[in-house]
Amino acid sequence: MFIEFHRNMLADATRNEAFYRALSNVIVPGKSVVADLGSGTGFLGFLALKLGAKAVYFYEYSPALKLSEKLARANRLKGCHFIHAHSTEVKSPIPADIIVSETFGNYAYEENIIENIEDARRFLKPKGTLIPGKLEQFVAPVITPRFYAELQVWDKVGYGLDFTLAKQMSLNNLYVRKIATGDLLPESNCDQCWDRVDFMQPNNKSKRRGHAVWRLRKPVTVYGFALWWRSELTPGVALSTHPSAPATHWEQLYLPASTPLALAADEQLRIDIQSDTRYAIGVNVGWEISVANAQQVQRLSQKLDMRLGDIR
């Protein structure tokens, strides 16, 4: 039910406090007009009103809009305007000083955040503010076998049956997992940013690509990669899903390797990531892993893609 989805979000005190701080940084009491895109229960718009916003426009296409209208009345909030539509369907939006839109997923782009905010620029007054303002995606090698081991169950089915094809499908997928810092390559440059989006700049594309490279200091076996994100909501206020950051209702992602990578000291490990979250696509992520020896000669590569994890 939709209410459980929203309950999980509102139980996230880290998320709520970050958005409260971000809104308090930019709202001018009695003057600011706010557009809450994908408003859900209305919580972020309600915060804006509590902070003194002159008016808030709530854009929501799900049944949650009815609940938010009732909650606004129950809380005696004035200045609410409810629009039952996806923001991209609105032809003539009311110009807003501030746009707030929380459509992050465990994989940051999975809820069409790039497409939605790029379209939302139509709603924004000149010199207005977008929340979130920026988004970075990070990747790091996973050196513990526990996530990879989960995907090997296909080898243990038994009864003389071969489930290799099912195993290959499993390996070509992303997995939401609670990853700890101890699961990651223990080096100072372990965390690397493979993609950045500045929402205040126009023409952000939903087809993304990036890479990260590590030079190994000592022998290690890598079983895949961890993904997480960090978003600057407003200057000085950020949300992060890094394993060591304050817990949120979002978790990290695990990208498997096809087979474990036994790496020697001085070898170079590289991952190239491609992401496509266009409306017509949904979510597709592909990743290519390569290893080069100390002389920069590539000795192996693995290519994985979520499209190979689907039944065709």
C-alpha atoms as a PDB file:
ATOM      1  CA  MET A   1       0.000   0.000   0.000  1.00  0.00           C
ATOM      2  CA  PHE A   2       1.148   3.546  -0.743  1.00  0.00           C
ATOM      3  CA  ILE A   3       0.877   4.540   2.927  1.00  0.00           C
ATOM      4  CA  GLU A   4       3.641   2.105   3.911  1.00  0.00           C
ATOM      5  CA  PHE A   5       5.970   3.642   1.334  1.00  0.00           C
ATOM      6  CA  HIS A   6       5.364   7.090   2.826  1.00  0.00           C
ATOM      7  CA  ARG A   7       5.595   5.827   6.384  1.00  0.00           C
ATOM      8  CA  ASN A   8       9.137   4.593   5.677  1.00  0.00           C
ATOM      9  CA  MET A   9      10.123   7.990   4.312  1.00  0.00           C
ATOM     10  CA  LEU A  10       8.659   9.955   7.212  1.00  0.00           C
ATOM     11  CA  ALA A  11      10.350   7.606   9.677  1.00  0.00           C
ATOM     12  CA  ASP A  12      13.679   8.756   8.224  1.00  0.00           C
ATOM     13  CA  ALA A  13      14.720  11.504  10.655  1.00  0.00           C
ATOM     14  CA  THR A  14      18.006  12.107   8.810  1.00  0.00           C
ATOM     15  CA  ARG A  15      16.158  12.828   5.562  1.00  0.00           C
ATOM     16  CA  ASN A  16      13.526  14.989   7.229  1.00  0.00           C
ATOM     17  CA  GLU A  17      16.022  17.132   9.113  1.00  0.00           C
ATOM     18  CA  ALA A  18      18.183  17.677   6.019  1.00  0.00           C
ATOM     19  CA  PHE A  19      15.231  18.945   3.980  1.00  0.00           C
ATOM     20  CA  TYR A  20      14.050  21.110   6.880  1.00  0.00           C
ATOM     21  CA  ARG A  21      17.490  22.743   7.079  1.00  0.00           C
ATOM     22  CA  ALA A  22      17.645  23.185   3.310  1.00  0.00           C
ATOM     23  CA  LEU A  23      14.226  24.849   3.171  1.00  0.00           C
ATOM     24  CA  SER A  24      15.010  27.081   6.146  1.00  0.00           C
ATOM     25  CA  ASN A  25      18.110  28.318   4.295  1.00  0.00           C
ATOM     26  CA  VAL A  26      16.157  29.660   1.323  1.00  0.00           C
ATOM     27  CA  ILE A  27      12.595  30.505   2.374  1.00  0.00           C
ATOM     28  CA  VAL A  28      11.837  34.190   2.828  1.00  0.00           C
ATOM     29  CA  PRO A  29       8.906  34.345   5.272  1.00  0.00           C
ATOM     30  CA  GLY A  30       5.803  35.904   3.777  1.00  0.00           C
ATOM     31  CA  LYS A  31       7.294  36.042   0.268  1.00  0.00           C
ATOM     32  CA  SER A  32       8.491  32.664  -1.005  1.00  0.00           C
ATOM     33  CA  VAL A  33       6.275  30.634  -3.322  1.00  0.00           C
ATOM     34  CA  VAL A  34       7.190  26.939  -3.264  1.00  0.00           C
ATOM     35  CA  ALA A  35       6.400  24.096  -5.661  1.00  0.00           C
ATOM     36  CA  ASP A  36       6.579  20.605  -4.154  1.00  0.00           C
ATOM     37  CA  LEU A  37       6.882  18.159  -7.061  1.00  0.00           C
ATOM     38  CA  GLY A  38       5.913  14.593  -6.263  1.00  0.00           C
ATOM     39  CA  SER A  39       4.577  15.892  -2.962  1.00  0.00           C
ATOM     40  CA  GLY A  40       3.300  12.580  -1.553  1.00  0.00           C
ATOM     41  CA  THR A  41       1.769  13.174   1.864  1.00  0.00           C
ATOM     42  CA  GLY A  42       2.740  16.839   1.612  1.00  0.00           C
ATOM     43  CA  PHE A  43       5.405  16.755   4.333  1.00  0.00           C
ATOM     44  CA  LEU A  44       8.011  18.914   2.554  1.00  0.00           C
ATOM     45  CA  GLY A  45       5.431  21.467   1.481  1.00  0.00           C
ATOM     46  CA  PHE A  46       4.063  21.546   5.029  1.00  0.00           C
ATOM     47  CA  LEU A  47       7.572  22.270   6.329  1.00  0.00           C
ATOM     48  CA  ALA A  48       7.827  25.147   3.861  1.00  0.00           C
ATOM     49  CA  LEU A  49       4.571  26.617   5.192  1.00  0.00           C
ATOM     50  CA  LYS A  50       5.727  26.192   8.789  1.00  0.00           C
ATOM     51  CA  LEU A  51       8.881  28.103   7.829  1.00  0.00           C
ATOM     52  CA  GLY A  52       6.808  30.994   6.512  1.00  0.00           C
ATOM     53  CA  ALA A  53       6.288  30.311   2.792  1.00  0.00           C
ATOM     54  CA  LYS A  54       3.584  32.514   1.279  1.00  0.00           C
ATOM     55  CA  ALA A  55       2.104  29.648  -0.760  1.00  0.00           C
ATOM     56  CA  VAL A  56       2.911  26.047  -1.639  1.00  0.00           C
ATOM     57  CA  TYR A  57       1.751  24.218  -4.777  1.00  0.00           C
ATOM     58  CA  PHE A  58       1.549  20.463  -4.249  1.00  0.00           C
ATOM     59  CA  TYR A  59       1.892  18.381  -7.444  1.00  0.00           C
ATOM     60  CA  GLU A  60       1.071  14.690  -6.971  1.00  0.00           C
ATOM     61  CA  TYR A  61      -0.572  12.148  -9.282  1.00  0.00           C
ATOM     62  CA  SER A  62      -1.067   9.324  -6.735  1.00  0.00           C
ATOM     63  CA  PRO A  63      -3.843   8.843  -4.139  1.00  0.00           C
ATOM     64  CA  ALA A  64      -1.513  10.408  -1.586  1.00  0.00           C
ATOM     65  CA  LEU A  65      -2.736  13.827  -2.724  1.00  0.00           C
ATOM     66  CA  LYS A  66      -6.130  13.237  -1.091  1.00  0.00           C
ATOM     67  CA  LEU A  67      -4.399  12.369   2.151  1.00  0.00           C
ATOM     68  CA  SER A  68      -2.222  15.490   1.975  1.00  0.00           C
ATOM     69  CA  GLU A  69      -5.320  17.669   1.535  1.00  0.00           C
ATOM     70  CA  LYS A  70      -6.850  16.147   4.666  1.00  0.00           C
ATOM     71  CA  LEU A  71      -3.588  16.513   6.588  1.00  0.00           C
ATOM     72  CA  ALA A  72      -3.373  20.187   5.609  1.00  0.00           C
ATOM     73  CA  ARG A  73      -6.866  20.792   6.987  1.00  0.00           C
ATOM     74  CA  ALA A  74      -6.109  18.820  10.151  1.00  0.00           C
ATOM     75  CA  ASN A  75      -2.991  20.927  10.704  1.00  0.00           C
ATOM     76  CA  ARG A  76      -4.815  24.181   9.821  1.00  0.00           C
ATOM     77  CA  LEU A  77      -2.262  25.077   7.173  1.00  0.00           C
ATOM     78  CA  LYS A  78      -3.080  28.009   4.898  1.00  0.00           C
ATOM     79  CA  GLY A  79      -1.673  28.777   1.467  1.00  0.00           C
ATOM     80  CA  CYS A  80      -1.984  25.211   0.115  1.00  0.00           C
ATOM     81  CA  HIS A  81      -2.801  24.574  -3.541  1.00  0.00           C
ATOM     82  CA  PHE A  82      -3.229  20.930  -4.591  1.00  0.00           C
ATOM     83  CA  ILE A  83      -2.786  19.811  -8.202  1.00  0.00           C
ATOM     84  CA  HIS A  84      -3.665  16.210  -9.012  1.00  0.00           C
ATOM     85  CA  ALA A  85      -1.159  15.605 -11.820  1.00  0.00           C
ATOM     86  CA  HIS A  86       2.398  14.578 -12.494  1.00  0.00           C
ATOM     87  CA  SER A  87       4.416  17.770 -12.748  1.00  0.00           C
ATOM     88  CA  THR A  88       5.447  16.937 -16.327  1.00  0.00           C
ATOM     89  CA  GLU A  89       1.756  17.031 -17.342  1.00  0.00           C
ATOM     90  CA  VAL A  90       1.213  20.587 -16.140  1.00  0.00           C
ATOM     91  CA  LYS A  91       1.007  22.938 -19.137  1.00  0.00           C
ATOM     92  CA  SER A  92       1.088  26.356 -17.449  1.00  0.00           C
ATOM     93  CA  PRO A  93       2.709  26.071 -14.012  1.00  0.00           C
ATOM     94  CA  ILE A  94       2.567  28.856 -11.453  1.00  0.00           C
ATOM     95  CA  PRO A  95       6.096  30.338 -11.210  1.00  0.00           C
ATOM     96  CA  ALA A  96       7.830  29.429  -7.950  1.00  0.00           C
ATOM     97  CA  ASP A  97      10.775  30.893  -6.039  1.00  0.00           C
ATOM     98  CA  ILE A  98      11.714  27.450  -4.741  1.00  0.00           C
ATOM     99  CA  ILE A  99      11.180  23.981  -6.156  1.00  0.00           C
ATOM    100  CA  VAL A 100      11.603  21.009  -3.856  1.00  0.00           C
ATOM    101  CA  SER A 101      11.440  17.469  -5.189  1.00  0.00           C
ATOM    102  CA  GLU A 102      12.517  14.393  -3.268  1.00  0.00           C
ATOM    103  CA  THR A 103      12.537  11.601  -5.813  1.00  0.00           C
ATOM    104  CA  PHE A 104      15.739   9.811  -4.850  1.00  0.00           C
ATOM    105  CA  GLY A 105      15.956   6.027  -4.932  1.00  0.00           C
ATOM    106  CA  ASN A 106      18.510   3.572  -3.586  1.00  0.00           C
ATOM    107  CA  TYR A 107      19.967   3.996  -7.057  1.00  0.00           C
ATOM    108  CA  ALA A 108      19.795   7.764  -7.146  1.00  0.00           C
ATOM    109  CA  TYR A 109      18.323   8.064 -10.643  1.00  0.00           C
ATOM    110  CA  GLU A 110      15.762   5.256 -10.487  1.00  0.00           C
ATOM    111  CA  GLU A 111      12.755   7.509  -9.793  1.00  0.00           C
ATOM    112  CA  ASN A 112      13.480   9.753 -12.814  1.00  0.00           C
ATOM    113  CA  ILE A 113      14.976  12.535 -10.718  1.00  0.00           C
ATOM    114  CA  ILE A 114      17.023  13.921 -13.627  1.00  0.00           C
ATOM    115  CA  GLU A 115      14.061  14.020 -16.007  1.00  0.00           C
ATOM    116  CA  ASN A 116      11.690  15.425 -13.388  1.00  0.00           C
ATOM    117  CA  ILE A 117      13.967  18.232 -12.231  1.00  0.00           C
ATOM    118  CA  GLU A 118      15.047  19.121 -15.751  1.00  0.00           C
ATOM    119  CA  ASP A 119      11.359  19.556 -16.632  1.00  0.00           C
ATOM    120  CA  ALA A 120      10.768  21.415 -13.354  1.00  0.00           C
ATOM    121  CA  ARG A 121      12.933  24.304 -14.533  1.00  0.00           C
ATOM    122  CA  ARG A 122       9.734  25.477 -16.302  1.00  0.00           C
ATOM    123  CA  PHE A 123       8.248  26.139 -12.856  1.00  0.00           C
ATOM    124  CA  LEU A 124      11.146  28.217 -11.549  1.00  0.00           C
ATOM    125  CA  LYS A 125      11.345  32.003 -11.433  1.00  0.00           C
ATOM    126  CA  PRO A 126      14.591  33.614 -12.608  1.00  0.00           C
ATOM    127  CA  LYS A 127      17.230  33.262  -9.863  1.00  0.00           C
ATOM    128  CA  GLY A 128      15.010  30.725  -8.097  1.00  0.00           C
ATOM    129  CA  THR A 129      16.291  27.743  -6.121  1.00  0.00           C
ATOM    130  CA  LEU A 130      16.102  24.034  -6.856  1.00  0.00           C
ATOM    131  CA  ILE A 131      16.217  21.531  -3.992  1.00  0.00           C
ATOM    132  CA  PRO A 132      18.212  19.335  -4.458  1.00  0.00           C
ATOM    133  CA  GLY A 133      20.895  21.424  -6.110  1.00  0.00           C
ATOM    134  CA  LYS A 134      23.530  18.810  -6.904  1.00  0.00           C
ATOM    135  CA  LEU A 135      23.963  15.046  -6.950  1.00  0.00           C
ATOM    136  CA  GLU A 136      27.090  12.865  -6.987  1.00  0.00           C
ATOM    137  CA  GLN A 137      27.337   9.105  -7.478  1.00  0.00           C
ATOM    138  CA  PHE A 138      30.161   7.105  -5.872  1.00  0.00           C
ATOM    139  CA  VAL A 139      31.609   3.641  -6.407  1.00  0.00           C
ATOM    140  CA  ALA A 140      34.081   1.459  -4.501  1.00  0.00           C
ATOM    141  CA  PRO A 141      35.361  -2.131  -4.829  1.00  0.00           C
ATOM    142  CA  VAL A 142      33.815  -4.753  -2.523  1.00  0.00           C
ATOM    143  CA  ILE A 143      36.394  -7.145  -1.046  1.00  0.00           C
ATOM    144  CA  THR A 144      34.194  -9.345   1.150  1.00  0.00           C
ATOM    145  CA  PRO A 145      32.486 -12.379  -0.445  1.00  0.00           C
ATOM    146  CA  ARG A 146      29.162 -12.290   1.422  1.00  0.00           C
ATOM    147  CA  PHE A 147      27.103 -10.535  -1.282  1.00  0.00           C
ATOM    148  CA  TYR A 148      28.629 -12.554  -4.107  1.00  0.00           C
ATOM    149  CA  ALA A 149      28.036 -15.766  -2.157  1.00  0.00           C
ATOM    150  CA  GLU A 150      24.270 -15.093  -2.114  1.00  0.00           C
ATOM    151  CA  LEU A 151      24.226 -15.291  -5.900  1.00  0.00           C
ATOM    152  CA  GLN A 152      25.921 -18.700  -6.007  1.00  0.00           C
ATOM    153  CA  VAL A 153      22.840 -20.583  -4.785  1.00  0.00           C
ATOM    154  CA  TRP A 154      22.210 -21.651  -8.398  1.00  0.00           C
ATOM    155  CA  ASP A 155      25.301 -23.874  -8.213  1.00  0.00           C
ATOM    156  CA  LYS A 156      23.796 -25.730  -5.239  1.00  0.00           C
ATOM    157  CA  VAL A 157      20.346 -26.618  -6.587  1.00  0.00           C
ATOM    158  CA  GLY A 158      21.429 -30.229  -7.085  1.00  0.00           C
ATOM    159  CA  TYR A 159      19.310 -33.115  -8.364  1.00  0.00           C
ATOM    160  CA  GLY A 160      21.474 -33.211 -11.479  1.00  0.00           C
ATOM    161  CA  LEU A 161      20.065 -29.875 -12.711  1.00  0.00           C
ATOM    162  CA  ASP A 162      22.122 -27.095 -14.290  1.00  0.00           C
ATOM    163  CA  PHE A 163      20.962 -23.554 -13.406  1.00  0.00           C
ATOM    164  CA  THR A 164      23.931 -21.716 -14.946  1.00  0.00           C
ATOM    165  CA  LEU A 165      21.665 -19.547 -17.124  1.00  0.00           C
ATOM    166  CA  ALA A 166      19.725 -18.382 -14.065  1.00  0.00           C
ATOM    167  CA  LYS A 167      23.001 -17.605 -12.293  1.00  0.00           C
ATOM    168  CA  GLN A 168      24.112 -15.404 -15.187  1.00  0.00           C
ATOM    169  CA  MET A 169      20.849 -13.474 -14.945  1.00  0.00           C
ATOM    170  CA  SER A 170      21.441 -12.936 -11.233  1.00  0.00           C
ATOM    171  CA  LEU A 171      24.923 -11.570 -11.854  1.00  0.00           C
ATOM    172  CA  ASN A 172      23.600  -9.040 -14.364  1.00  0.00           C
ATOM    173  CA  ASN A 173      21.533  -7.160 -11.798  1.00  0.00           C
ATOM    174  CA  LEU A 174      21.860  -4.558  -9.047  1.00  0.00           C
ATOM    175  CA  TYR A 175      21.092  -5.438  -5.420  1.00  0.00           C
ATOM    176  CA  VAL A 176      20.000  -3.187  -2.565  1.00  0.00           C
ATOM    177  CA  ARG A 177      22.163  -4.150   0.403  1.00  0.00           C
ATOM    178  CA  LYS A 178      23.360  -2.709   3.686  1.00  0.00           C
ATOM    179  CA  ILE A 179      27.066  -2.402   2.950  1.00  0.00           C
ATOM    180  CA  ALA A 180      29.607  -1.591   5.669  1.00  0.00           C
ATOM    181  CA  THR A 181      32.908   0.227   5.319  1.00  0.00           C
ATOM    182  CA  GLY A 182      34.606  -3.064   6.203  1.00  0.00           C
ATOM    183  CA  ASP A 183      33.234  -4.548   2.964  1.00  0.00           C
ATOM    184  CA  LEU A 184      35.168  -1.995   0.899  1.00  0.00           C
ATOM    185  CA  LEU A 185      38.727  -1.736  -0.356  1.00  0.00           C
ATOM    186  CA  PRO A 186      40.632  -0.305   2.640  1.00  0.00           C
ATOM    187  CA  GLU A 187      42.508   2.460   0.839  1.00  0.00           C
ATOM    188  CA  SER A 188      42.388   6.227   1.237  1.00  0.00           C
ATOM    189  CA  ASN A 189      41.136   6.747  -2.330  1.00  0.00           C
ATOM    190  CA  CYS A 190      38.616   3.903  -2.201  1.00  0.00           C
ATOM    191  CA  ASP A 191      35.583   6.174  -2.693  1.00  0.00           C
ATOM    192  CA  GLN A 192      35.477   7.593  -6.203  1.00  0.00           C
ATOM    193  CA  CYS A 193      32.866   9.770  -7.861  1.00  0.00           C
ATOM    194  CA  TRP A 194      31.821   8.421 -11.243  1.00  0.00           C
ATOM    195  CA  ASP A 195      29.073  10.940 -12.050  1.00  0.00           C
ATOM    196  CA  ARG A 196      27.960  14.451 -11.076  1.00  0.00           C
ATOM    197  CA  VAL A 197      24.776  16.378 -11.857  1.00  0.00           C
ATOM    198  CA  ASP A 198      24.299  20.086 -11.177  1.00  0.00           C
ATOM    199  CA  PHE A 199      20.541  20.589 -11.304  1.00  0.00           C
ATOM    200  CA  MET A 200      20.931  24.371 -11.488  1.00  0.00           C
ATOM    201  CA  GLN A 201      22.593  23.949 -14.880  1.00  0.00           C
ATOM    202  CA  PRO A 202      20.270  23.243 -17.841  1.00  0.00           C
ATOM    203  CA  ASN A 203      20.211  20.296 -20.219  1.00  0.00           C
ATOM    204  CA  ASN A 204      21.153  17.469 -17.865  1.00  0.00           C
ATOM    205  CA  LYS A 205      20.788  14.174 -19.710  1.00  0.00           C
ATOM    206  CA  SER A 206      19.337  10.957 -18.317  1.00  0.00           C
ATOM    207  CA  LYS A 207      21.853   8.839 -20.222  1.00  0.00           C
ATOM    208  CA  ARG A 208      24.973   8.958 -18.064  1.00  0.00           C
ATOM    209  CA  ARG A 209      28.389   7.380 -18.184  1.00  0.00           C
ATOM    210  CA  GLY A 210      31.500   7.535 -16.018  1.00  0.00           C
ATOM    211  CA  HIS A 211      34.375   5.513 -14.669  1.00  0.00           C
ATOM    212  CA  ALA A 212      36.670   4.981 -11.704  1.00  0.00           C
ATOM    213  CA  VAL A 213      40.210   3.574 -11.457  1.00  0.00           C
ATOM    214  CA  TRP A 214      42.183   2.096  -8.571  1.00  0.00           C
ATOM    215  CA  ARG A 215      45.870   1.168  -8.378  1.00  0.00           C
ATOM    216  CA  LEU A 216      46.149  -1.739  -5.943  1.00  0.00           C
ATOM    217  CA  ARG A 217      48.699  -1.398  -3.168  1.00  0.00           C
ATOM    218  CA  LYS A 218      48.610  -5.065  -2.186  1.00  0.00           C
ATOM    219  CA  PRO A 219      47.007  -8.305  -3.390  1.00  0.00           C
ATOM    220  CA  VAL A 220      43.241  -8.445  -2.906  1.00  0.00           C
ATOM    221  CA  THR A 221      40.183 -10.248  -4.257  1.00  0.00           C
ATOM    222  CA  VAL A 222      37.327  -8.056  -5.489  1.00  0.00           C
ATOM    223  CA  TYR A 223      33.800  -9.505  -5.644  1.00  0.00           C
ATOM    224  CA  GLY A 224      31.988  -6.539  -7.127  1.00  0.00           C
ATOM    225  CA  PHE A 225      31.324  -2.887  -6.406  1.00  0.00           C
ATOM    226  CA  ALA A 226      29.271  -0.742  -4.049  1.00  0.00           C
ATOM    227  CA  LEU A 227      27.316   2.305  -5.219  1.00  0.00           C
ATOM    228  CA  TRP A 228      25.961   5.170  -3.158  1.00  0.00           C
ATOM    229  CA  TRP A 229      25.146   8.839  -3.618  1.00  0.00           C
ATOM    230  CA  ARG A 230      25.546  12.245  -2.015  1.00  0.00           C
ATOM    231  CA  SER A 231      23.241  15.173  -2.713  1.00  0.00           C
ATOM    232  CA  GLU A 232      23.823  18.799  -1.836  1.00  0.00           C
ATOM    233  CA  LEU A 233      20.308  20.059  -1.129  1.00  0.00           C
ATOM    234  CA  THR A 234      21.439  23.643  -0.595  1.00  0.00           C
ATOM    235  CA  PRO A 235      24.972  24.909   0.104  1.00  0.00           C
ATOM    236  CA  GLY A 236      26.072  23.421   3.429  1.00  0.00           C
ATOM    237  CA  VAL A 237      23.222  20.895   3.642  1.00  0.00           C
ATOM    238  CA  ALA A 238      23.737  17.404   2.206  1.00  0.00           C
ATOM    239  CA  LEU A 239      22.292  13.908   2.292  1.00  0.00           C
ATOM    240  CA  SER A 240      24.504  10.873   1.791  1.00  0.00           C
ATOM    241  CA  THR A 241      23.997   7.114   1.594  1.00  0.00           C
ATOM    242  CA  HIS A 242      27.678   6.358   2.227  1.00  0.00           C
ATOM    243  CA  PRO A 243      28.019   3.299   4.494  1.00  0.00           C
ATOM    244  CA  SER A 244      29.455   5.459   7.292  1.00  0.00           C
ATOM    245  CA  ALA A 245      26.902   8.285   6.963  1.00  0.00           C
ATOM    246  CA  PRO A 246      23.920   8.586   9.320  1.00  0.00           C
ATOM    247  CA  ALA A 247      21.432   5.860   8.425  1.00  0.00           C
ATOM    248  CA  THR A 248      18.545   6.677   6.110  1.00  0.00           C
ATOM    249  CA  HIS A 249      15.731   4.608   4.614  1.00  0.00           C
ATOM    250  CA  TRP A 250      17.926   4.313   1.505  1.00  0.00           C
ATOM    251  CA  GLU A 251      20.688   1.729   1.381  1.00  0.00           C
ATOM    252  CA  GLN A 252      23.648   1.032  -0.862  1.00  0.00           C
ATOM    253  CA  LEU A 253      23.757  -0.993  -4.080  1.00  0.00           C
ATOM    254  CA  TYR A 254      25.890  -4.011  -4.904  1.00  0.00           C
ATOM    255  CA  LEU A 255      27.087  -4.576  -8.481  1.00  0.00           C
ATOM    256  CA  PRO A 256      28.466  -8.123  -8.834  1.00  0.00           C
ATOM    257  CA  ALA A 257      31.524  -9.207 -10.743  1.00  0.00           C
ATOM    258  CA  SER A 258      31.019 -12.127 -13.143  1.00  0.00           C
ATOM    259  CA  THR A 259      33.689 -14.034 -11.234  1.00  0.00           C
ATOM    260  CA  PRO A 260      35.844 -12.897  -8.310  1.00  0.00           C
ATOM    261  CA  LEU A 261      38.859 -10.820  -9.353  1.00  0.00           C
ATOM    262  CA  ALA A 262      42.149 -11.946  -7.784  1.00  0.00           C
ATOM    263  CA  LEU A 263      44.351  -8.870  -8.119  1.00  0.00           C
ATOM    264  CA  ALA A 264      48.071  -8.447  -7.530  1.00  0.00           C
ATOM    265  CA  ALA A 265      49.873  -5.449  -6.069  1.00  0.00           C
ATOM    266  CA  ASP A 266      50.398  -2.613  -8.595  1.00  0.00           C
ATOM    267  CA  GLU A 267      47.610  -3.827 -10.863  1.00  0.00           C
ATOM    268  CA  GLN A 268      44.990  -1.362 -12.055  1.00  0.00           C
ATOM    269  CA  LEU A 269      41.288  -1.999 -11.545  1.00  0.00           C
ATOM    270  CA  ARG A 270      38.778  -0.004 -13.576  1.00  0.00           C
ATOM    271  CA  ILE A 271      34.999   0.117 -13.812  1.00  0.00           C
ATOM    272  CA  ASP A 272      33.049   1.894 -16.563  1.00  0.00           C
ATOM    273  CA  ILE A 273      29.390   2.542 -15.748  1.00  0.00           C
ATOM    274  CA  GLN A 274      26.562   3.425 -18.114  1.00  0.00           C
ATOM    275  CA  SER A 275      23.146   4.506 -16.859  1.00  0.00           C
ATOM    276  CA  ASP A 276      19.923   5.107 -18.780  1.00  0.00           C
ATOM    277  CA  THR A 277      16.854   6.289 -16.857  1.00  0.00           C
ATOM    278  CA  ARG A 278      14.826   7.857 -19.638  1.00  0.00           C
ATOM    279  CA  TYR A 279      11.069   7.569 -19.126  1.00  0.00           C
ATOM    280  CA  ALA A 280      10.809   5.148 -22.048  1.00  0.00           C
ATOM    281  CA  ILE A 281      13.551   2.912 -20.610  1.00  0.00           C
ATOM    282  CA  GLY A 282      12.833   2.843 -16.884  1.00  0.00           C
ATOM    283  CA  VAL A 283      16.201   1.932 -15.379  1.00  0.00           C
ATOM    284  CA  ASN A 284      19.122   0.271 -17.076  1.00  0.00           C
ATOM    285  CA  VAL A 285      22.666   0.122 -15.771  1.00  0.00           C
ATOM    286  CA  GLY A 286      25.620  -1.572 -17.403  1.00  0.00           C
ATOM    287  CA  TRP A 287      29.115  -1.960 -15.987  1.00  0.00           C
ATOM    288  CA  GLU A 288      32.377  -3.129 -17.516  1.00  0.00           C
ATOM    289  CA  ILE A 289      35.231  -4.239 -15.271  1.00  0.00           C
ATOM    290  CA  SER A 290      38.819  -4.384 -16.518  1.00  0.00           C
ATOM    291  CA  VAL A 291      42.181  -5.234 -14.958  1.00  0.00           C
ATOM    292  CA  ALA A 292      45.565  -4.141 -16.287  1.00  0.00           C
ATOM    293  CA  ASN A 293      48.940  -5.342 -15.026  1.00  0.00           C
ATOM    294  CA  ALA A 294      51.748  -3.121 -13.765  1.00  0.00           C
ATOM    295  CA  GLN A 295      52.847  -2.519 -17.387  1.00  0.00           C
ATOM    296  CA  GLN A 296      49.321  -1.193 -18.251  1.00  0.00           C
ATOM    297  CA  VAL A 297      48.490  -4.243 -20.350  1.00  0.00           C
ATOM    298  CA  GLN A 298      44.879  -5.350 -19.920  1.00  0.00           C
ATOM    299  CA  ARG A 299      44.708  -8.957 -18.783  1.00  0.00           C
ATOM    300  CA  LEU A 300      40.963  -9.442 -18.246  1.00  0.00           C
ATOM    301  CA  SER A 301      37.586  -7.769 -18.630  1.00  0.00           C
ATOM    302  CA  GLN A 302      33.994  -8.507 -17.645  1.00  0.00           C
ATOM    303  CA  LYS A 303      30.908  -6.855 -19.081  1.00  0.00           C
ATOM    304  CA  LEU A 304      27.563  -6.918 -17.257  1.00  0.00           C
ATOM    305  CA  ASP A 305      24.254  -5.282 -18.068  1.00  0.00           C
ATOM    306  CA  MET A 306      20.835  -5.239 -16.395  1.00  0.00           C
ATOM    307  CA  ARG A 307      19.235  -6.032 -19.757  1.00  0.00           C
ATOM    308  CA  LEU A 308      20.892  -9.456 -19.525  1.00  0.00           C
ATOM    309  CA  GLY A 309      19.233  -9.912 -16.140  1.00  0.00           C
ATOM    310  CA  ASP A 310      15.739  -9.743 -17.659  1.00  0.00           C
ATOM    311  CA  ILE A 311      13.736 -12.566 -19.168  1.00  0.00           C
ATOM    312  CA  ARG A 312      13.504 -11.859 -22.885  1.00  0.00           C
END
